[in-house]
Amino acid sequence: GSSHPRDLKEGIYVFGGLKGQQPDVKIKDNNLYMLSIGHRRHTWSIVDTNGRKPEARYQHAMHFLRNCNSILVIGGRKLGEKTSTDPSAEFIRETHVLNMH
């Protein structure tokens, strides 16, 4: 297939999730991260995207859309009032496209 100068770099991509060292304290995140692979030293970096970022979430799905060089973020949950295991954590019923060009 054809390649584009701004194609995603080879790596493992992760959107959002929860950060925190203590089990009862979590910080929601809406950044797109990439773990560079194929090198002796693996490194994490934040990937710039165009347009509005989706709401921070966890327990979501992602899919790479090769034809438009984008990542689809599907569903997930908002952080509950207390912890990531809080049953009051609301489900997010939306699909968002992260554009890489």
N, C-alpha and C. Protein backbone atom coordinates (compact mmCIF):
# COMPACT_ATOMS: atom_id res chain seq x y z
N GLY A 1 0.81 -1.17 0.00
CA GLY A 1 0.00 0.00 0.00
C GLY A 1 0.86 1.24 0.00
N SER A 2 0.20 2.38 -0.15
CA SER A 2 0.92 3.65 -0.15
C SER A 2 1.23 4.07 1.27
N SER A 3 2.28 4.86 1.40
CA SER A 3 2.61 5.38 2.72
C SER A 3 2.47 6.89 2.69
N HIS A 4 2.18 7.45 3.83
CA HIS A 4 2.02 8.88 3.96
C HIS A 4 3.13 9.39 4.86
N PRO A 5 3.66 10.59 4.61
CA PRO A 5 4.76 11.09 5.43
C PRO A 5 4.42 11.22 6.90
N ARG A 6 3.14 11.36 7.22
CA ARG A 6 2.75 11.53 8.62
C ARG A 6 2.10 10.27 9.20
N ASP A 7 2.36 9.12 8.60
CA ASP A 7 1.80 7.88 9.14
C ASP A 7 2.24 7.70 10.58
N LEU A 8 1.42 7.00 11.33
CA LEU A 8 1.77 6.70 12.71
C LEU A 8 3.08 5.93 12.75
N LYS A 9 3.90 6.24 13.73
CA LYS A 9 5.14 5.50 13.91
C LYS A 9 4.80 4.13 14.48
N GLU A 10 5.70 3.18 14.21
CA GLU A 10 5.49 1.84 14.72
C GLU A 10 5.64 1.85 16.23
N GLY A 11 4.66 1.30 16.91
CA GLY A 11 4.69 1.26 18.37
C GLY A 11 3.37 0.75 18.91
N ILE A 12 3.24 0.81 20.19
CA ILE A 12 2.01 0.42 20.88
C ILE A 12 1.36 1.70 21.37
N TYR A 13 0.09 1.91 21.01
CA TYR A 13 -0.63 3.12 21.35
C TYR A 13 -1.63 2.85 22.46
N VAL A 14 -1.70 3.78 23.41
CA VAL A 14 -2.62 3.67 24.54
C VAL A 14 -3.28 5.04 24.73
N PHE A 15 -4.60 5.06 24.81
CA PHE A 15 -5.30 6.31 25.08
C PHE A 15 -5.85 6.30 26.50
N GLY A 16 -5.62 7.42 27.19
CA GLY A 16 -6.26 7.63 28.49
C GLY A 16 -5.94 6.59 29.53
N GLY A 17 -6.94 6.28 30.31
CA GLY A 17 -6.78 5.34 31.40
C GLY A 17 -6.73 6.06 32.73
N LEU A 18 -6.22 5.37 33.72
CA LEU A 18 -6.12 5.91 35.07
C LEU A 18 -4.68 5.89 35.51
N LYS A 19 -4.26 6.94 36.21
CA LYS A 19 -2.91 6.98 36.75
C LYS A 19 -3.02 7.16 38.26
N GLY A 20 -2.10 6.58 38.99
CA GLY A 20 -2.07 6.78 40.43
C GLY A 20 -1.32 5.67 41.12
N GLN A 21 -0.63 6.03 42.16
CA GLN A 21 0.16 5.05 42.91
C GLN A 21 -0.64 4.38 44.02
N GLN A 22 -1.66 5.05 44.52
CA GLN A 22 -2.46 4.50 45.61
C GLN A 22 -3.75 3.91 45.05
N PRO A 23 -4.19 2.77 45.57
CA PRO A 23 -5.38 2.12 45.02
C PRO A 23 -6.64 2.98 45.11
N ASP A 24 -6.73 3.86 46.09
CA ASP A 24 -7.94 4.64 46.27
C ASP A 24 -7.85 6.05 45.67
N VAL A 25 -6.71 6.39 45.04
CA VAL A 25 -6.56 7.71 44.41
C VAL A 25 -6.14 7.51 42.96
N LYS A 26 -7.00 7.92 42.05
CA LYS A 26 -6.71 7.78 40.63
C LYS A 26 -6.92 9.11 39.93
N ILE A 27 -6.13 9.36 38.90
CA ILE A 27 -6.24 10.57 38.09
C ILE A 27 -6.63 10.14 36.69
N LYS A 28 -7.70 10.73 36.17
CA LYS A 28 -8.11 10.37 34.81
C LYS A 28 -7.23 11.09 33.80
N ASP A 29 -7.10 10.48 32.63
CA ASP A 29 -6.14 10.95 31.64
C ASP A 29 -6.78 10.89 30.26
N ASN A 30 -6.54 11.92 29.43
CA ASN A 30 -7.05 11.86 28.06
C ASN A 30 -5.94 12.12 27.04
N ASN A 31 -4.74 11.68 27.34
CA ASN A 31 -3.62 11.76 26.39
C ASN A 31 -3.51 10.47 25.59
N LEU A 32 -2.93 10.59 24.40
CA LEU A 32 -2.59 9.42 23.59
C LEU A 32 -1.09 9.18 23.76
N TYR A 33 -0.72 7.99 24.20
CA TYR A 33 0.68 7.63 24.44
C TYR A 33 1.13 6.61 23.41
N MET A 34 2.44 6.62 23.12
CA MET A 34 3.02 5.61 22.24
C MET A 34 4.26 5.03 22.91
N LEU A 35 4.33 3.71 22.95
CA LEU A 35 5.52 3.00 23.41
C LEU A 35 6.30 2.61 22.16
N SER A 36 7.47 3.23 21.96
CA SER A 36 8.32 2.90 20.81
C SER A 36 8.86 1.49 20.99
N ILE A 37 8.75 0.69 19.93
CA ILE A 37 9.24 -0.68 20.00
C ILE A 37 10.24 -0.90 18.87
N GLY A 38 10.97 -1.99 18.94
CA GLY A 38 11.92 -2.31 17.90
C GLY A 38 13.28 -1.67 18.10
N HIS A 39 13.47 -1.05 19.22
CA HIS A 39 14.75 -0.44 19.56
C HIS A 39 15.28 -1.10 20.82
N ARG A 40 16.52 -0.91 21.10
CA ARG A 40 17.09 -1.50 22.32
C ARG A 40 16.43 -0.94 23.57
N ARG A 41 16.10 0.35 23.52
CA ARG A 41 15.47 0.98 24.69
C ARG A 41 14.06 1.42 24.31
N HIS A 42 13.06 0.88 24.98
CA HIS A 42 11.67 1.27 24.73
C HIS A 42 11.40 2.59 25.46
N THR A 43 10.71 3.51 24.79
CA THR A 43 10.40 4.80 25.40
C THR A 43 8.94 5.15 25.19
N TRP A 44 8.33 5.82 26.18
CA TRP A 44 6.97 6.31 26.10
C TRP A 44 7.00 7.76 25.67
N SER A 45 6.05 8.18 24.85
CA SER A 45 5.91 9.58 24.48
C SER A 45 4.43 9.90 24.31
N ILE A 46 4.10 11.19 24.44
CA ILE A 46 2.74 11.65 24.19
C ILE A 46 2.64 12.03 22.72
N VAL A 47 1.58 11.57 22.07
CA VAL A 47 1.37 11.80 20.65
C VAL A 47 0.41 12.99 20.46
N ASP A 48 0.79 13.94 19.62
CA ASP A 48 -0.08 15.07 19.30
C ASP A 48 -1.18 14.62 18.35
N THR A 49 -2.39 15.12 18.59
CA THR A 49 -3.51 14.83 17.70
C THR A 49 -4.14 16.15 17.29
N ASN A 50 -4.92 16.13 16.23
CA ASN A 50 -5.63 17.32 15.76
C ASN A 50 -7.07 17.28 16.23
N GLY A 51 -7.62 18.45 16.49
CA GLY A 51 -9.03 18.52 16.88
C GLY A 51 -9.22 18.35 18.37
N ARG A 52 -10.48 18.22 18.74
CA ARG A 52 -10.86 18.10 20.15
C ARG A 52 -10.52 16.71 20.68
N LYS A 53 -9.90 16.68 21.87
CA LYS A 53 -9.61 15.39 22.50
C LYS A 53 -10.87 14.83 23.13
N PRO A 54 -11.03 13.51 23.11
CA PRO A 54 -12.18 12.93 23.80
C PRO A 54 -12.02 13.05 25.32
N GLU A 55 -13.12 12.89 25.99
CA GLU A 55 -13.14 12.91 27.44
C GLU A 55 -12.24 11.79 28.00
N ALA A 56 -11.61 12.05 29.14
CA ALA A 56 -10.80 11.02 29.80
C ALA A 56 -11.68 9.81 30.11
N ARG A 57 -11.09 8.61 29.97
CA ARG A 57 -11.87 7.38 30.17
C ARG A 57 -10.96 6.19 30.43
N TYR A 58 -11.55 5.10 30.85
CA TYR A 58 -10.85 3.83 31.02
C TYR A 58 -11.83 2.72 30.63
N GLN A 59 -11.33 1.50 30.50
CA GLN A 59 -12.12 0.34 30.07
C GLN A 59 -12.79 0.59 28.71
N HIS A 60 -12.05 1.19 27.78
CA HIS A 60 -12.57 1.49 26.45
C HIS A 60 -11.86 0.59 25.43
N ALA A 61 -12.28 0.71 24.18
CA ALA A 61 -11.64 -0.03 23.09
C ALA A 61 -11.05 0.98 22.10
N MET A 62 -10.05 0.53 21.35
CA MET A 62 -9.41 1.36 20.32
C MET A 62 -9.23 0.53 19.06
N HIS A 63 -9.25 1.24 17.93
CA HIS A 63 -9.02 0.57 16.65
C HIS A 63 -8.28 1.54 15.73
N PHE A 64 -7.24 1.06 15.04
CA PHE A 64 -6.49 1.88 14.10
C PHE A 64 -7.18 1.88 12.74
N LEU A 65 -7.44 3.08 12.20
CA LEU A 65 -8.05 3.23 10.89
C LEU A 65 -6.95 3.61 9.90
N ARG A 66 -6.38 2.61 9.25
CA ARG A 66 -5.22 2.80 8.38
C ARG A 66 -5.50 3.78 7.24
N ASN A 67 -6.66 3.68 6.60
CA ASN A 67 -6.95 4.52 5.42
C ASN A 67 -6.95 6.00 5.73
N CYS A 68 -7.30 6.38 6.96
CA CYS A 68 -7.33 7.81 7.29
C CYS A 68 -6.32 8.15 8.38
N ASN A 69 -5.42 7.23 8.70
CA ASN A 69 -4.33 7.47 9.65
C ASN A 69 -4.86 8.04 10.97
N SER A 70 -5.86 7.36 11.52
CA SER A 70 -6.52 7.82 12.73
C SER A 70 -6.75 6.64 13.68
N ILE A 71 -7.05 6.97 14.92
CA ILE A 71 -7.39 5.96 15.91
C ILE A 71 -8.80 6.22 16.40
N LEU A 72 -9.62 5.17 16.40
CA LEU A 72 -10.99 5.23 16.87
C LEU A 72 -11.01 4.83 18.34
N VAL A 73 -11.59 5.67 19.19
CA VAL A 73 -11.74 5.38 20.62
C VAL A 73 -13.22 5.12 20.86
N ILE A 74 -13.53 3.95 21.43
CA ILE A 74 -14.92 3.51 21.54
C ILE A 74 -15.29 3.28 23.00
N GLY A 75 -16.34 3.97 23.44
CA GLY A 75 -16.93 3.73 24.75
C GLY A 75 -15.99 3.97 25.91
N GLY A 76 -16.19 3.18 26.97
CA GLY A 76 -15.39 3.28 28.17
C GLY A 76 -16.22 3.73 29.36
N ARG A 77 -15.52 4.09 30.42
CA ARG A 77 -16.18 4.56 31.64
C ARG A 77 -15.50 5.82 32.14
N LYS A 78 -16.30 6.68 32.77
CA LYS A 78 -15.77 7.86 33.45
C LYS A 78 -15.31 7.42 34.83
N LEU A 79 -14.39 8.16 35.39
CA LEU A 79 -13.93 7.86 36.74
C LEU A 79 -15.04 8.15 37.72
N GLY A 80 -15.32 7.19 38.60
CA GLY A 80 -16.34 7.37 39.63
C GLY A 80 -15.87 8.35 40.70
N GLU A 81 -16.71 8.63 41.63
CA GLU A 81 -16.41 9.59 42.69
C GLU A 81 -15.24 9.16 43.57
N LYS A 82 -15.07 7.87 43.77
CA LYS A 82 -14.07 7.40 44.73
C LYS A 82 -12.89 6.70 44.06
N THR A 83 -13.13 5.62 43.38
CA THR A 83 -12.05 4.82 42.80
C THR A 83 -12.46 4.28 41.44
N SER A 84 -11.51 3.64 40.79
CA SER A 84 -11.80 3.04 39.48
C SER A 84 -12.75 1.86 39.59
N THR A 85 -12.94 1.32 40.78
CA THR A 85 -13.86 0.20 40.95
C THR A 85 -15.21 0.65 41.49
N ASP A 86 -15.42 1.97 41.58
CA ASP A 86 -16.68 2.53 42.05
C ASP A 86 -17.79 2.13 41.09
N PRO A 87 -18.83 1.43 41.58
CA PRO A 87 -19.91 1.01 40.68
C PRO A 87 -20.70 2.18 40.10
N SER A 88 -20.49 3.39 40.64
CA SER A 88 -21.21 4.55 40.10
C SER A 88 -20.50 5.14 38.88
N ALA A 89 -19.36 4.57 38.49
CA ALA A 89 -18.64 5.07 37.32
C ALA A 89 -19.54 4.95 36.09
N GLU A 90 -19.82 6.08 35.48
CA GLU A 90 -20.75 6.15 34.37
C GLU A 90 -20.12 5.63 33.06
N PHE A 91 -20.92 4.90 32.28
CA PHE A 91 -20.46 4.43 30.97
C PHE A 91 -20.49 5.59 29.97
N ILE A 92 -19.51 5.63 29.10
CA ILE A 92 -19.45 6.63 28.03
C ILE A 92 -19.94 5.94 26.76
N ARG A 93 -20.98 6.46 26.20
CA ARG A 93 -21.57 5.86 24.99
C ARG A 93 -21.31 6.75 23.78
N GLU A 94 -20.04 6.82 23.39
CA GLU A 94 -19.69 7.62 22.23
C GLU A 94 -18.48 7.01 21.55
N THR A 95 -18.29 7.41 20.31
CA THR A 95 -17.13 7.01 19.52
C THR A 95 -16.42 8.29 19.10
N HIS A 96 -15.11 8.31 19.21
CA HIS A 96 -14.34 9.50 18.89
C HIS A 96 -13.16 9.11 17.99
N VAL A 97 -12.84 9.97 17.02
CA VAL A 97 -11.72 9.73 16.12
C VAL A 97 -10.57 10.66 16.49
N LEU A 98 -9.38 10.09 16.77
CA LEU A 98 -8.17 10.85 17.01
C LEU A 98 -7.43 10.97 15.68
N ASN A 99 -7.39 12.16 15.12
CA ASN A 99 -6.74 12.38 13.82
C ASN A 99 -5.25 12.62 14.02
N MET A 100 -4.42 11.93 13.24
CA MET A 100 -2.98 12.02 13.39
C MET A 100 -2.35 12.94 12.36
N HIS A 101 -3.10 13.57 11.49
CA HIS A 101 -2.52 14.47 10.49
C HIS A 101 -3.21 15.79 10.46
